[in-house]
Amino acid sequence: MLEHIVFLDKNEGYILRGSLDEGHQKAIVYKTQDQGRTWSYIPSELPHFRGVFRNGK
């Protein structure tokens, strides 16, 4: 499982994970709006991602 953590500002952030299970490759996304104290799963049909996420660059 690959994982990236990106914060857009001091409160809002995302955990982006990619499932590598054969036949079930998809992106898994969690979001926080309280500086990472709590995280909510965001249902998604996004495909598995590759690469690096960079905030604002």
Protein backbone atom coordinates (compact mmCIF):
# COMPACT_ATOMS: atom_id res chain seq x y z
CA MET A 1 0.00 0.00 0.00
CA LEU A 2 1.40 3.40 -1.02
CA GLU A 3 0.58 6.46 1.07
CA HIS A 4 0.85 10.24 0.69
CA ILE A 5 -0.22 12.84 3.25
CA VAL A 6 -0.99 16.34 1.95
CA PHE A 7 -2.16 19.38 3.93
CA LEU A 8 -3.67 22.26 1.95
CA ASP A 9 -3.56 24.54 4.98
CA LYS A 10 -3.14 24.11 8.76
CA ASN A 11 -6.57 22.44 9.09
CA GLU A 12 -7.42 20.62 5.84
CA GLY A 13 -5.44 17.56 4.86
CA TYR A 14 -5.74 14.30 2.93
CA ILE A 15 -4.30 10.82 3.17
CA LEU A 16 -4.09 9.29 -0.27
CA ARG A 17 -3.48 5.58 -0.35
CA GLY A 18 -3.32 3.17 -3.22
CA SER A 19 -4.47 -0.40 -2.94
CA LEU A 20 -2.13 -2.78 -4.75
CA ASP A 21 -4.36 -5.83 -4.46
CA GLU A 22 -4.47 -7.56 -7.82
CA GLY A 23 -7.81 -6.95 -9.50
CA HIS A 24 -8.86 -4.33 -6.93
CA GLN A 25 -6.49 -1.45 -7.59
CA LYS A 26 -8.11 1.80 -6.46
CA ALA A 27 -7.34 5.01 -4.61
CA ILE A 28 -8.29 5.24 -0.93
CA VAL A 29 -8.86 8.77 0.39
CA TYR A 30 -9.25 10.16 3.93
CA LYS A 31 -9.81 13.83 4.86
CA THR A 32 -9.28 15.91 7.99
CA GLN A 33 -10.52 19.41 8.73
CA ASP A 34 -9.18 19.67 12.29
CA GLN A 35 -5.39 19.54 11.91
CA GLY A 36 -5.35 15.74 11.76
CA ARG A 37 -7.14 14.98 15.02
CA THR A 38 -9.90 13.08 13.20
CA TRP A 39 -10.06 11.58 9.71
CA SER A 40 -13.07 10.69 7.54
CA TYR A 41 -13.09 8.15 4.73
CA ILE A 42 -14.17 9.59 1.38
CA PRO A 43 -15.78 6.93 -0.85
CA SER A 44 -14.20 7.10 -4.28
CA GLU A 45 -14.06 5.25 -7.56
CA LEU A 46 -10.75 6.89 -8.44
CA PRO A 47 -8.17 4.55 -9.97
CA HIS A 48 -4.97 3.60 -8.17
CA PHE A 49 -2.52 6.52 -8.31
CA ARG A 50 1.21 6.64 -8.95
CA GLY A 51 3.66 9.44 -8.34
CA VAL A 52 4.23 12.18 -5.80
CA PHE A 53 1.75 14.82 -4.66
CA ARG A 54 3.19 18.25 -3.94
CA ASN A 55 1.24 21.04 -2.28
CA GLY A 56 1.25 24.24 -4.34
CA LYS A 57 4.26 23.36 -6.51
